[in-house]
N, C-alpha and C. Protein backbone atom coordinates (compact mmCIF):
# COMPACT_ATOMS: atom_id res chain seq x y z
N MET A 1 -63.62 -121.92 -39.23
CA MET A 1 -65.04 -122.19 -39.37
C MET A 1 -65.42 -123.34 -38.44
N GLU A 2 -66.50 -123.16 -37.73
CA GLU A 2 -66.98 -124.17 -36.78
C GLU A 2 -67.59 -125.37 -37.51
N THR A 3 -67.27 -126.56 -37.03
CA THR A 3 -67.85 -127.79 -37.59
C THR A 3 -69.31 -127.87 -37.16
N ARG A 4 -70.20 -128.05 -38.14
CA ARG A 4 -71.63 -128.19 -37.84
C ARG A 4 -71.92 -129.64 -37.51
N LYS A 5 -72.50 -129.87 -36.31
CA LYS A 5 -72.76 -131.22 -35.84
C LYS A 5 -74.25 -131.42 -35.61
N LEU A 6 -74.74 -132.58 -36.05
CA LEU A 6 -76.15 -132.92 -35.94
C LEU A 6 -76.30 -134.25 -35.22
N ILE A 7 -77.13 -134.27 -34.18
CA ILE A 7 -77.46 -135.52 -33.50
C ILE A 7 -78.69 -136.09 -34.19
N VAL A 8 -78.63 -137.40 -34.52
CA VAL A 8 -79.73 -138.06 -35.23
C VAL A 8 -80.11 -139.33 -34.49
N ASP A 9 -81.42 -139.58 -34.40
CA ASP A 9 -81.93 -140.83 -33.84
C ASP A 9 -83.19 -141.20 -34.61
N ILE A 10 -83.37 -142.50 -34.83
CA ILE A 10 -84.59 -142.96 -35.49
C ILE A 10 -85.32 -143.93 -34.58
N GLU A 11 -86.61 -144.05 -34.80
CA GLU A 11 -87.44 -145.05 -34.13
C GLU A 11 -88.01 -145.94 -35.22
N THR A 12 -87.95 -147.25 -34.99
CA THR A 12 -88.39 -148.22 -36.00
C THR A 12 -89.29 -149.27 -35.36
N THR A 13 -89.81 -150.15 -36.22
CA THR A 13 -90.51 -151.33 -35.74
C THR A 13 -89.51 -152.24 -35.06
N ALA A 14 -89.99 -153.31 -34.47
CA ALA A 14 -89.12 -154.28 -33.80
C ALA A 14 -88.12 -154.86 -34.80
N LEU A 15 -87.06 -155.43 -34.27
CA LEU A 15 -86.01 -155.99 -35.12
C LEU A 15 -86.44 -157.30 -35.75
N PRO A 16 -86.10 -157.53 -36.99
CA PRO A 16 -85.43 -156.59 -37.89
C PRO A 16 -86.39 -155.47 -38.30
N ALA A 17 -85.86 -154.28 -38.39
CA ALA A 17 -86.67 -153.10 -38.70
C ALA A 17 -87.30 -153.24 -40.08
N THR A 18 -88.59 -152.97 -40.15
CA THR A 18 -89.31 -152.99 -41.42
C THR A 18 -89.92 -151.63 -41.75
N LYS A 19 -89.92 -150.72 -40.76
CA LYS A 19 -90.49 -149.39 -40.98
C LYS A 19 -89.83 -148.41 -40.04
N VAL A 20 -89.55 -147.21 -40.55
CA VAL A 20 -89.06 -146.11 -39.72
C VAL A 20 -90.27 -145.27 -39.33
N TRP A 21 -90.48 -145.08 -38.04
CA TRP A 21 -91.61 -144.31 -37.55
C TRP A 21 -91.28 -142.83 -37.38
N MET A 22 -89.99 -142.56 -37.04
CA MET A 22 -89.62 -141.18 -36.75
C MET A 22 -88.13 -141.00 -36.96
N VAL A 23 -87.77 -139.84 -37.51
CA VAL A 23 -86.38 -139.41 -37.58
C VAL A 23 -86.31 -138.11 -36.79
N GLY A 24 -85.50 -138.12 -35.73
CA GLY A 24 -85.35 -136.93 -34.90
C GLY A 24 -83.94 -136.38 -35.04
N THR A 25 -83.82 -135.07 -35.12
CA THR A 25 -82.51 -134.43 -35.23
C THR A 25 -82.41 -133.28 -34.24
N MET A 26 -81.18 -132.98 -33.83
CA MET A 26 -80.91 -131.81 -33.01
C MET A 26 -79.58 -131.21 -33.41
N ASP A 27 -79.60 -129.93 -33.73
CA ASP A 27 -78.38 -129.19 -34.03
C ASP A 27 -77.63 -129.00 -32.72
N LEU A 28 -76.42 -129.51 -32.64
CA LEU A 28 -75.67 -129.49 -31.39
C LEU A 28 -75.32 -128.07 -30.94
N ARG A 29 -75.14 -127.16 -31.87
CA ARG A 29 -74.79 -125.78 -31.50
C ARG A 29 -76.01 -124.97 -31.07
N THR A 30 -77.09 -125.04 -31.86
CA THR A 30 -78.25 -124.19 -31.58
C THR A 30 -79.31 -124.86 -30.72
N GLY A 31 -79.28 -126.19 -30.66
CA GLY A 31 -80.31 -126.91 -29.92
C GLY A 31 -81.60 -127.09 -30.68
N GLU A 32 -81.65 -126.63 -31.95
CA GLU A 32 -82.87 -126.76 -32.75
C GLU A 32 -83.19 -128.24 -32.96
N VAL A 33 -84.43 -128.60 -32.65
CA VAL A 33 -84.90 -129.98 -32.79
C VAL A 33 -85.89 -130.05 -33.94
N ARG A 34 -85.74 -131.10 -34.76
CA ARG A 34 -86.69 -131.36 -35.84
C ARG A 34 -87.10 -132.82 -35.75
N ASN A 35 -88.40 -133.08 -35.89
CA ASN A 35 -88.91 -134.44 -35.91
C ASN A 35 -89.66 -134.67 -37.21
N PHE A 36 -89.25 -135.69 -37.91
CA PHE A 36 -89.91 -136.10 -39.14
C PHE A 36 -90.68 -137.38 -38.81
N LEU A 37 -92.00 -137.35 -39.02
CA LEU A 37 -92.85 -138.45 -38.59
C LEU A 37 -93.45 -139.21 -39.76
N SER A 38 -93.58 -140.53 -39.58
CA SER A 38 -94.22 -141.40 -40.56
C SER A 38 -95.71 -141.08 -40.60
N PRO A 39 -96.39 -141.22 -41.73
CA PRO A 39 -95.88 -141.71 -43.01
C PRO A 39 -95.09 -140.63 -43.74
N PHE A 40 -93.96 -141.02 -44.30
CA PHE A 40 -93.08 -140.10 -45.00
C PHE A 40 -93.50 -139.99 -46.47
N ASN A 41 -93.65 -138.76 -46.95
CA ASN A 41 -93.91 -138.57 -48.38
C ASN A 41 -92.61 -138.15 -49.05
N THR A 42 -92.66 -137.95 -50.35
CA THR A 42 -91.45 -137.60 -51.11
C THR A 42 -90.80 -136.32 -50.59
N GLN A 43 -91.60 -135.33 -50.22
CA GLN A 43 -91.04 -134.08 -49.70
C GLN A 43 -90.37 -134.29 -48.35
N ASP A 44 -90.95 -135.14 -47.50
CA ASP A 44 -90.32 -135.44 -46.21
C ASP A 44 -88.93 -136.04 -46.41
N ILE A 45 -88.82 -136.98 -47.34
CA ILE A 45 -87.53 -137.63 -47.62
C ILE A 45 -86.53 -136.58 -48.12
N LYS A 46 -86.97 -135.70 -49.01
CA LYS A 46 -86.09 -134.63 -49.50
C LYS A 46 -85.66 -133.72 -48.35
N ASP A 47 -86.59 -133.40 -47.44
CA ASP A 47 -86.27 -132.53 -46.31
C ASP A 47 -85.26 -133.19 -45.37
N ILE A 48 -85.42 -134.49 -45.13
CA ILE A 48 -84.46 -135.23 -44.29
C ILE A 48 -83.09 -135.21 -44.96
N GLN A 49 -83.07 -135.51 -46.26
CA GLN A 49 -81.81 -135.54 -47.00
C GLN A 49 -81.12 -134.17 -46.96
N THR A 50 -81.89 -133.10 -47.17
CA THR A 50 -81.34 -131.75 -47.14
C THR A 50 -80.81 -131.42 -45.75
N CYS A 51 -81.58 -131.76 -44.73
CA CYS A 51 -81.15 -131.51 -43.36
C CYS A 51 -79.82 -132.19 -43.09
N LEU A 52 -79.70 -133.47 -43.40
CA LEU A 52 -78.47 -134.22 -43.14
C LEU A 52 -77.29 -133.65 -43.91
N SER A 53 -77.52 -133.25 -45.15
CA SER A 53 -76.42 -132.82 -46.01
C SER A 53 -75.85 -131.45 -45.65
N THR A 54 -76.54 -130.71 -44.78
CA THR A 54 -76.03 -129.39 -44.41
C THR A 54 -75.08 -129.44 -43.22
N TYR A 55 -74.81 -130.63 -42.70
CA TYR A 55 -73.93 -130.77 -41.53
C TYR A 55 -72.63 -131.46 -41.91
N ASP A 56 -71.59 -131.14 -41.14
CA ASP A 56 -70.27 -131.72 -41.36
C ASP A 56 -70.11 -133.05 -40.64
N GLU A 57 -70.84 -133.21 -39.54
CA GLU A 57 -70.70 -134.40 -38.72
C GLU A 57 -72.06 -134.83 -38.18
N ILE A 58 -72.33 -136.13 -38.25
CA ILE A 58 -73.57 -136.69 -37.74
C ILE A 58 -73.22 -137.56 -36.54
N ILE A 59 -73.94 -137.37 -35.45
CA ILE A 59 -73.69 -138.08 -34.21
C ILE A 59 -74.95 -138.88 -33.85
N GLY A 60 -74.75 -140.12 -33.42
CA GLY A 60 -75.89 -140.90 -32.97
C GLY A 60 -75.45 -142.18 -32.30
N HIS A 61 -76.24 -142.63 -31.33
CA HIS A 61 -75.96 -143.90 -30.67
C HIS A 61 -76.26 -145.04 -31.64
N ASN A 62 -75.27 -145.86 -31.92
CA ASN A 62 -75.39 -146.99 -32.85
C ASN A 62 -75.81 -146.53 -34.25
N PHE A 63 -75.45 -145.30 -34.60
CA PHE A 63 -75.84 -144.73 -35.89
C PHE A 63 -75.27 -145.52 -37.06
N ILE A 64 -73.99 -145.87 -36.99
CA ILE A 64 -73.33 -146.54 -38.12
C ILE A 64 -73.89 -147.93 -38.36
N ASP A 65 -74.18 -148.66 -37.30
CA ASP A 65 -74.64 -150.04 -37.45
C ASP A 65 -76.15 -150.19 -37.56
N PHE A 66 -76.93 -149.19 -37.13
CA PHE A 66 -78.38 -149.35 -37.16
C PHE A 66 -79.09 -148.23 -37.92
N ASP A 67 -78.98 -147.00 -37.42
CA ASP A 67 -79.75 -145.90 -38.00
C ASP A 67 -79.42 -145.67 -39.47
N LYS A 68 -78.12 -145.52 -39.76
CA LYS A 68 -77.70 -145.22 -41.14
C LYS A 68 -78.16 -146.29 -42.12
N PRO A 69 -77.86 -147.59 -41.89
CA PRO A 69 -78.29 -148.58 -42.88
C PRO A 69 -79.81 -148.69 -43.02
N ASN A 70 -80.55 -148.48 -41.94
CA ASN A 70 -82.01 -148.54 -42.03
C ASN A 70 -82.59 -147.32 -42.70
N MET A 71 -81.97 -146.16 -42.53
CA MET A 71 -82.42 -144.97 -43.26
C MET A 71 -82.15 -145.14 -44.75
N GLU A 72 -81.02 -145.75 -45.09
CA GLU A 72 -80.71 -146.01 -46.49
C GLU A 72 -81.69 -147.02 -47.09
N ARG A 73 -81.89 -148.12 -46.39
CA ARG A 73 -82.71 -149.23 -46.91
C ARG A 73 -84.19 -148.92 -46.92
N LEU A 74 -84.71 -148.32 -45.86
CA LEU A 74 -86.15 -148.12 -45.74
C LEU A 74 -86.65 -146.77 -46.24
N LEU A 75 -85.77 -145.75 -46.23
CA LEU A 75 -86.20 -144.42 -46.65
C LEU A 75 -85.51 -143.96 -47.95
N GLY A 76 -84.46 -144.66 -48.36
CA GLY A 76 -83.76 -144.26 -49.57
C GLY A 76 -82.84 -143.06 -49.35
N ILE A 77 -82.47 -142.79 -48.11
CA ILE A 77 -81.57 -141.68 -47.79
C ILE A 77 -80.16 -142.05 -48.24
N SER A 78 -79.46 -141.09 -48.85
CA SER A 78 -78.09 -141.30 -49.29
C SER A 78 -77.14 -140.54 -48.37
N PHE A 79 -76.09 -141.22 -47.94
CA PHE A 79 -75.07 -140.59 -47.12
C PHE A 79 -73.79 -140.34 -47.89
N VAL A 80 -73.86 -140.47 -49.21
CA VAL A 80 -72.70 -140.20 -50.06
C VAL A 80 -72.35 -138.71 -49.93
N GLY A 81 -71.11 -138.44 -49.59
CA GLY A 81 -70.66 -137.06 -49.46
C GLY A 81 -70.95 -136.42 -48.11
N ILE A 82 -71.60 -137.15 -47.23
CA ILE A 82 -71.90 -136.60 -45.90
C ILE A 82 -70.84 -137.09 -44.94
């Protein structure tokens, strides 16, 4: 079975980040791009969470030190089990 890989990038306010403006994703195999734009409502957050949880691997520049903690802190996204 092929590993499903997702590229993720976020755009935020200046450092320290206080708001996420955009979450962009791209399926590495299909090239499908999805952009989630602020203001985020409850359904948007659920859609982001669902999108992330369907992949085996998440790829991003500085994802571990910046994107992931800011998505957790500012959007309430959980990476448990991902």
